[in-house]
């Protein structure tokens, strides 16, 4: 089921594309920086694929604000900083936490 059936997911796909264009990158160039195929970037932009945790983490490394990406609030670009990934595994589930310092 395409993500674009959910208006919030459609907005997320739009913001993903907007971020790529802000960086001045082609889909292929962004894919290389995210460590995915160009078709993955294309499918995210048209709402055919969901974001993987790997893509979200790489986007924050490129300076994309998770708050802006998910909610459309605040600035698109983070101040230069690194995100910290925390992985919590329990039987039956894996939780990924991306922490980005704001100060």
Protein backbone atom coordinates (compact mmCIF):
# COMPACT_ATOMS: atom_id res chain seq x y z
CA UNK A 1 0.00 0.00 0.00
CA UNK A 2 1.55 3.36 -0.99
CA UNK A 3 2.30 5.72 1.84
CA UNK A 4 0.69 8.63 0.00
CA UNK A 5 -2.76 7.38 1.10
CA UNK A 6 -1.86 8.86 4.47
CA UNK A 7 -1.59 12.67 4.14
CA UNK A 8 1.12 12.85 6.80
CA UNK A 9 3.20 10.27 4.94
CA UNK A 10 2.75 12.28 1.74
CA UNK A 11 4.06 15.37 3.54
CA UNK A 12 7.03 13.35 4.79
CA UNK A 13 7.84 12.27 1.23
CA UNK A 14 7.57 15.88 0.04
CA UNK A 15 9.91 17.10 2.75
CA UNK A 16 12.39 14.34 1.93
CA UNK A 17 12.46 15.54 -1.69
CA UNK A 18 12.70 19.18 -0.58
CA UNK A 19 15.72 18.33 1.58
CA UNK A 20 17.45 16.58 -1.33
CA UNK A 21 16.86 19.58 -3.58
CA UNK A 22 18.08 21.97 -0.86
CA UNK A 23 21.35 20.02 -0.83
CA UNK A 24 21.51 20.34 -4.61
CA UNK A 25 21.80 16.59 -5.08
CA UNK A 26 20.34 14.25 -7.67
CA UNK A 27 18.52 11.17 -6.47
CA UNK A 28 21.60 9.10 -7.35
CA UNK A 29 23.92 11.41 -5.43
CA UNK A 30 21.73 11.39 -2.33
CA UNK A 31 21.36 7.61 -2.59
CA UNK A 32 25.14 7.25 -2.57
CA UNK A 33 25.39 9.40 0.58
CA UNK A 34 22.60 7.44 2.27
CA UNK A 35 24.04 4.07 1.28
CA UNK A 36 20.95 3.00 -0.68
CA UNK A 37 19.96 2.54 -4.31
CA UNK A 38 18.63 5.43 -6.39
CA UNK A 39 15.32 3.59 -6.70
CA UNK A 40 14.96 3.70 -2.90
CA UNK A 41 15.26 7.51 -2.94
CA UNK A 42 12.76 7.70 -5.80
CA UNK A 43 10.31 5.38 -4.04
CA UNK A 44 10.52 7.39 -0.81
CA UNK A 45 9.88 10.61 -2.73
CA UNK A 46 6.75 9.24 -4.40
CA UNK A 47 5.49 7.56 -1.24
CA UNK A 48 6.00 4.00 -2.42
CA UNK A 49 8.55 3.09 0.28
CA UNK A 50 8.93 3.86 3.95
CA UNK A 51 12.04 5.32 5.51
CA UNK A 52 14.39 2.79 7.02
CA UNK A 53 16.18 3.54 10.26
CA UNK A 54 19.44 3.59 8.28
CA UNK A 55 18.10 6.31 5.97
CA UNK A 56 16.80 8.39 8.88
CA UNK A 57 20.12 8.21 10.68
CA UNK A 58 22.04 9.12 7.51
CA UNK A 59 19.69 12.07 6.90
CA UNK A 60 20.45 13.44 10.35
CA UNK A 61 24.17 13.03 9.61
CA UNK A 62 23.59 15.16 6.50
CA UNK A 63 22.02 17.85 8.69
CA UNK A 64 18.30 17.16 8.22
CA UNK A 65 16.25 18.00 11.30
CA UNK A 66 14.10 15.02 12.34
CA UNK A 67 11.49 17.42 13.76
CA UNK A 68 11.23 19.23 10.44
CA UNK A 69 11.21 15.97 8.46
CA UNK A 70 8.46 14.30 10.50
CA UNK A 71 6.36 17.26 11.64
CA UNK A 72 7.25 20.10 9.28
CA UNK A 73 8.17 22.24 12.28
CA UNK A 74 11.33 24.21 12.95
CA UNK A 75 14.28 24.66 10.63
CA UNK A 76 15.06 22.11 7.95
CA UNK A 77 18.77 22.08 8.66
CA UNK A 78 20.42 21.26 11.94
CA UNK A 79 23.41 23.11 13.21
CA UNK A 80 26.52 21.09 12.43
CA UNK A 81 26.53 18.21 14.85
CA UNK A 82 26.44 14.47 14.95
CA UNK A 83 23.52 12.31 15.86
CA UNK A 84 23.91 9.43 18.26
CA UNK A 85 22.21 6.14 17.56
CA UNK A 86 21.08 3.92 20.39
CA UNK A 87 19.83 0.41 19.68
CA UNK A 88 17.88 -1.51 22.30
CA UNK A 89 17.17 -5.13 21.54
CA UNK A 90 14.82 -7.28 23.54
CA UNK A 91 13.36 -10.64 22.68
CA UNK A 92 10.84 -9.94 19.95
CA UNK A 93 11.66 -6.29 19.28
CA UNK A 94 14.37 -3.83 18.37
CA UNK A 95 14.09 -0.16 19.28
CA UNK A 96 16.13 2.49 17.47
CA UNK A 97 16.62 5.84 19.16
CA UNK A 98 18.26 8.73 17.36
CA UNK A 99 19.45 11.45 19.71
CA UNK A 100 20.42 14.81 18.29
CA UNK A 101 21.83 17.50 20.56
CA UNK A 102 20.05 20.82 20.11
CA UNK A 103 22.36 23.04 22.09
